[in-house]
Amino acid sequence: MKIVKFGFALFGINTYVVVDTSTGKCAIIDPGMIDQEEENAIADFINRNGYEVTHLINTHLHIDHVAGNSFTTDRFHVPVLAHPDDKILGACIDQQAAQFGICGKINNVSITTYLHDGDTINIGDGRLEVLHVPGHSQGSIALYDRDGGYVITGDALFAGSIGRTDLPGGDYPQLINSIRNKLLELPDSTVVYPGHGPATTIGAERQNNPFLRQV
């Protein structure tokens, strides 16, 4: 499946659209749109290409990764897929918003369909495999396209870094364990698309990431 990245300004978030080009069906992953200009960027891309949005997938439910959830569900009438261990975070998005001074702009998130480790999400003829990678949050997941050779890691793994563990639900040893047992098990050539910053590969992070040198 083809993957397209959008970068949105307020939180520096990477929002991804994963498209099965044979059917035109697609999923929006971690919609971070915060204003009409950003919303239009996603909607215009979908409409211009004639794609059909079938899923909204959140890698976790911190505010930056769900800012555009309401727009996405209202515009495309799709279910929200996320891990149940982040349900408590989704129920307090309003509290997270208050910390950033944006009260009333971002709604709490209700998960429509729970995702668990080992689940498969079918997008047209394509498939994303769910990897549960807790540590940044308890419900953090990564999405692996085995055929496409890439993994969307949310805030678990970045180029040269790893996710914060000082937020609610964070656990540093747990995150390192998740990366070691789930992400570093993937082929070194696997492209990593993180929630913030540039893409990398599993091999590059195994060799150069300072947090993983002892892994």
Protein backbone atom coordinates (compact mmCIF):
# COMPACT_ATOMS: atom_id res chain seq x y z
CA MET A 1 0.00 0.00 0.00
CA LYS A 2 1.10 3.55 -0.71
CA ILE A 3 1.71 5.84 2.24
CA VAL A 4 1.38 9.63 2.11
CA LYS A 5 2.52 11.91 4.94
CA PHE A 6 1.00 15.23 6.01
CA GLY A 7 2.75 17.44 8.55
CA PHE A 8 0.55 19.65 10.73
CA ALA A 9 1.89 22.66 12.54
CA LEU A 10 0.54 23.02 16.08
CA PHE A 11 2.06 19.82 17.42
CA GLY A 12 4.47 18.99 14.59
CA ILE A 13 2.49 15.82 14.02
CA ASN A 14 2.82 13.39 11.13
CA THR A 15 -0.58 12.30 9.85
CA TYR A 16 -0.53 9.42 7.37
CA VAL A 17 -2.92 8.29 4.67
CA VAL A 18 -2.40 4.64 3.71
CA VAL A 19 -3.92 3.81 0.33
CA ASP A 20 -4.59 0.52 -1.42
CA THR A 21 -4.05 1.79 -4.94
CA SER A 22 -5.83 -1.18 -6.55
CA THR A 23 -9.17 -0.30 -4.91
CA GLY A 24 -8.77 3.34 -3.89
CA LYS A 25 -9.69 2.52 -0.29
CA CYS A 26 -7.61 4.21 2.39
CA ALA A 27 -7.14 4.79 6.11
CA ILE A 28 -6.27 8.03 7.87
CA ILE A 29 -3.84 7.45 10.72
CA ASP A 30 -3.42 9.93 13.59
CA PRO A 31 -5.30 12.91 12.14
CA GLY A 32 -3.62 15.97 13.66
CA MET A 33 -5.51 18.73 11.87
CA ILE A 34 -6.30 21.68 14.11
CA ASP A 35 -7.79 24.28 11.73
CA GLN A 36 -9.76 24.53 8.50
CA GLU A 37 -6.69 24.91 6.30
CA GLU A 38 -5.26 21.63 7.58
CA GLU A 39 -8.64 19.90 7.35
CA ASN A 40 -8.96 21.04 3.76
CA ALA A 41 -5.51 19.67 2.94
CA ILE A 42 -6.61 16.15 3.88
CA ALA A 43 -10.10 16.41 2.37
CA ASP A 44 -8.84 17.88 -0.91
CA PHE A 45 -6.24 15.13 -1.24
CA ILE A 46 -8.87 12.43 -0.69
CA ASN A 47 -11.37 14.02 -3.08
CA ARG A 48 -8.86 14.88 -5.78
CA ASN A 49 -7.71 11.28 -6.00
CA GLY A 50 -11.16 9.74 -5.65
CA TYR A 51 -10.17 7.72 -2.60
CA GLU A 52 -12.65 6.17 -0.16
CA VAL A 53 -11.75 6.48 3.52
CA THR A 54 -12.68 3.28 5.34
CA HIS A 55 -10.89 3.65 8.68
CA LEU A 56 -9.56 6.19 11.14
CA ILE A 57 -6.75 4.60 13.16
CA ASN A 58 -5.09 6.16 16.20
CA THR A 59 -1.72 4.80 17.26
CA HIS A 60 -2.51 6.23 20.69
CA LEU A 61 -4.82 8.82 22.21
CA HIS A 62 -2.64 11.77 23.16
CA ILE A 63 -4.14 15.05 21.99
CA ASP A 64 -1.73 15.68 19.12
CA HIS A 65 -2.68 12.38 17.47
CA VAL A 66 -6.46 12.88 17.75
CA ALA A 67 -6.90 16.60 17.10
CA GLY A 68 -8.57 15.88 13.75
CA ASN A 69 -10.63 12.88 14.82
CA SER A 70 -13.95 14.73 14.95
CA PHE A 71 -13.46 16.26 11.52
CA THR A 72 -12.46 12.90 10.05
CA THR A 73 -15.40 10.97 11.49
CA ASP A 74 -17.89 13.70 10.57
CA ARG A 75 -16.58 14.16 7.04
CA PHE A 76 -15.95 10.54 6.07
CA HIS A 77 -18.32 8.64 8.42
CA VAL A 78 -15.68 6.12 9.51
CA PRO A 79 -15.10 4.18 12.72
CA VAL A 80 -12.32 5.03 15.18
CA LEU A 81 -9.89 2.16 15.75
CA ALA A 82 -7.51 2.18 18.73
CA HIS A 83 -6.27 0.00 21.58
CA PRO A 84 -8.58 -0.29 24.60
CA ASP A 85 -5.77 0.48 27.05
CA ASP A 86 -5.88 4.10 25.86
CA LYS A 87 -9.62 4.45 26.46
CA ILE A 88 -8.94 6.48 29.61
CA LEU A 89 -6.79 8.94 27.64
CA GLY A 90 -9.51 9.37 25.04
CA ALA A 91 -11.99 10.27 27.76
CA CYS A 92 -9.86 13.19 29.00
CA ILE A 93 -8.83 14.93 25.79
CA ASP A 94 -10.58 18.05 27.14
CA GLN A 95 -8.16 18.03 30.08
CA GLN A 96 -5.21 17.61 27.72
CA ALA A 97 -6.54 20.52 25.64
CA ALA A 98 -6.74 22.76 28.70
CA GLN A 99 -3.02 22.28 29.24
CA PHE A 100 -2.38 23.77 25.78
CA GLY A 101 -4.94 26.58 26.11
CA ILE A 102 -7.16 25.20 23.34
CA CYS A 103 -10.26 24.30 25.33
CA GLY A 104 -13.34 23.54 23.27
CA LYS A 105 -11.45 22.92 20.02
CA ILE A 106 -10.79 19.20 20.37
CA ASN A 107 -13.36 16.66 21.55
CA ASN A 108 -12.95 13.59 23.71
CA VAL A 109 -12.46 10.37 21.74
CA SER A 110 -14.66 7.30 21.88
CA ILE A 111 -13.17 4.18 20.34
CA THR A 112 -15.51 2.42 17.93
CA THR A 113 -13.44 -0.73 17.40
CA TYR A 114 -10.78 -2.04 19.76
CA LEU A 115 -7.47 -3.16 18.31
CA HIS A 116 -5.26 -5.79 19.92
CA ASP A 117 -1.82 -7.17 19.30
CA GLY A 118 -1.85 -9.47 16.29
CA ASP A 119 -5.02 -8.04 14.74
CA THR A 120 -5.13 -7.38 11.01
CA ILE A 121 -6.82 -4.32 9.49
CA ASN A 122 -7.96 -4.84 5.90
CA ILE A 123 -7.83 -1.74 3.72
CA GLY A 124 -9.09 -2.75 0.31
CA ASP A 125 -6.74 -5.55 -0.72
CA GLY A 126 -4.02 -4.33 1.65
CA ARG A 127 -3.36 -5.29 5.26
CA LEU A 128 -1.92 -3.57 8.31
CA GLU A 129 -0.78 -5.76 11.21
CA VAL A 130 -1.27 -4.38 14.72
CA LEU A 131 1.71 -4.48 17.08
CA HIS A 132 1.00 -3.48 20.69
CA VAL A 133 3.98 -1.37 21.83
CA PRO A 134 3.09 0.08 25.25
CA GLY A 135 5.42 2.43 27.08
CA HIS A 136 4.75 5.87 25.64
CA SER A 137 1.13 5.17 26.54
CA GLN A 138 -0.42 1.92 27.66
CA GLY A 139 -2.43 1.55 24.45
CA SER A 140 0.27 2.54 21.97
CA ILE A 141 0.30 0.48 18.78
CA ALA A 142 2.40 0.28 15.63
CA LEU A 143 0.98 -0.61 12.22
CA TYR A 144 3.06 -2.91 10.04
CA ASP A 145 2.61 -3.26 6.29
CA ARG A 146 4.51 -6.46 5.68
CA ASP A 147 4.11 -6.32 1.89
CA GLY A 148 4.96 -2.63 1.75
CA GLY A 149 7.99 -2.99 4.00
CA TYR A 150 7.15 -0.19 6.42
CA VAL A 151 5.84 0.33 9.93
CA ILE A 152 4.01 3.33 11.40
CA THR A 153 5.28 3.62 14.96
CA GLY A 154 3.32 6.51 16.47
CA ASP A 155 5.40 7.90 19.34
CA ALA A 156 7.14 4.65 20.24
CA LEU A 157 10.21 5.00 18.00
CA PHE A 158 11.69 8.00 16.20
CA ALA A 159 14.76 8.66 14.10
CA GLY A 160 17.49 8.74 16.73
CA SER A 161 15.10 8.75 19.68
CA ILE A 162 12.18 7.09 21.44
CA GLY A 163 8.87 8.30 22.84
CA ARG A 164 8.52 10.26 26.04
CA THR A 165 7.62 8.25 29.12
CA ASP A 166 6.91 11.13 31.52
CA LEU A 167 3.29 11.51 30.38
CA PRO A 168 0.31 9.63 31.87
CA GLY A 169 0.65 5.94 31.00
CA GLY A 170 4.36 6.20 30.26
CA ASP A 171 6.82 3.53 31.38
CA TYR A 172 10.45 3.62 30.20
CA PRO A 173 11.42 -0.04 30.77
CA GLN A 174 8.15 -1.11 29.18
CA LEU A 175 8.80 1.04 26.11
CA ILE A 176 12.32 -0.33 25.65
CA ASN A 177 10.92 -3.84 25.98
CA SER A 178 8.22 -3.10 23.38
CA ILE A 179 10.79 -1.78 20.92
CA ARG A 180 13.10 -4.74 21.50
CA ASN A 181 10.44 -7.44 21.26
CA LYS A 182 8.18 -5.99 18.58
CA LEU A 183 9.87 -3.37 16.42
CA LEU A 184 13.45 -4.66 16.34
CA GLU A 185 12.09 -8.05 15.34
CA LEU A 186 11.16 -6.55 11.96
CA PRO A 187 13.62 -6.71 9.03
CA ASP A 188 16.37 -4.08 9.09
CA SER A 189 15.15 -2.74 5.74
CA THR A 190 11.73 -1.88 7.20
CA VAL A 191 11.03 1.83 6.81
CA VAL A 192 9.89 3.49 10.04
CA TYR A 193 7.29 6.25 9.75
CA PRO A 194 7.10 7.92 13.19
CA GLY A 195 4.55 10.25 14.70
CA HIS A 196 6.99 13.17 14.57
CA GLY A 197 10.07 13.90 12.52
CA PRO A 198 11.64 12.14 9.53
CA ALA A 199 11.42 8.55 8.44
CA THR A 200 14.18 6.08 9.26
CA THR A 201 14.71 2.31 9.12
CA ILE A 202 14.76 -0.43 11.70
CA GLY A 203 18.39 -1.19 10.80
CA ALA A 204 19.48 2.42 11.21
CA GLU A 205 17.84 2.64 14.63
CA ARG A 206 19.28 -0.68 15.75
CA GLN A 207 22.76 0.58 14.88
CA ASN A 208 22.62 4.28 15.72
CA ASN A 209 19.79 5.08 18.15
CA PRO A 210 21.50 6.01 21.44
CA PHE A 211 18.58 4.68 23.48
CA LEU A 212 18.87 1.25 21.85
CA ARG A 213 22.60 0.62 21.78
CA GLN A 214 22.29 -1.68 24.77
CA VAL A 215 19.19 -3.41 23.39
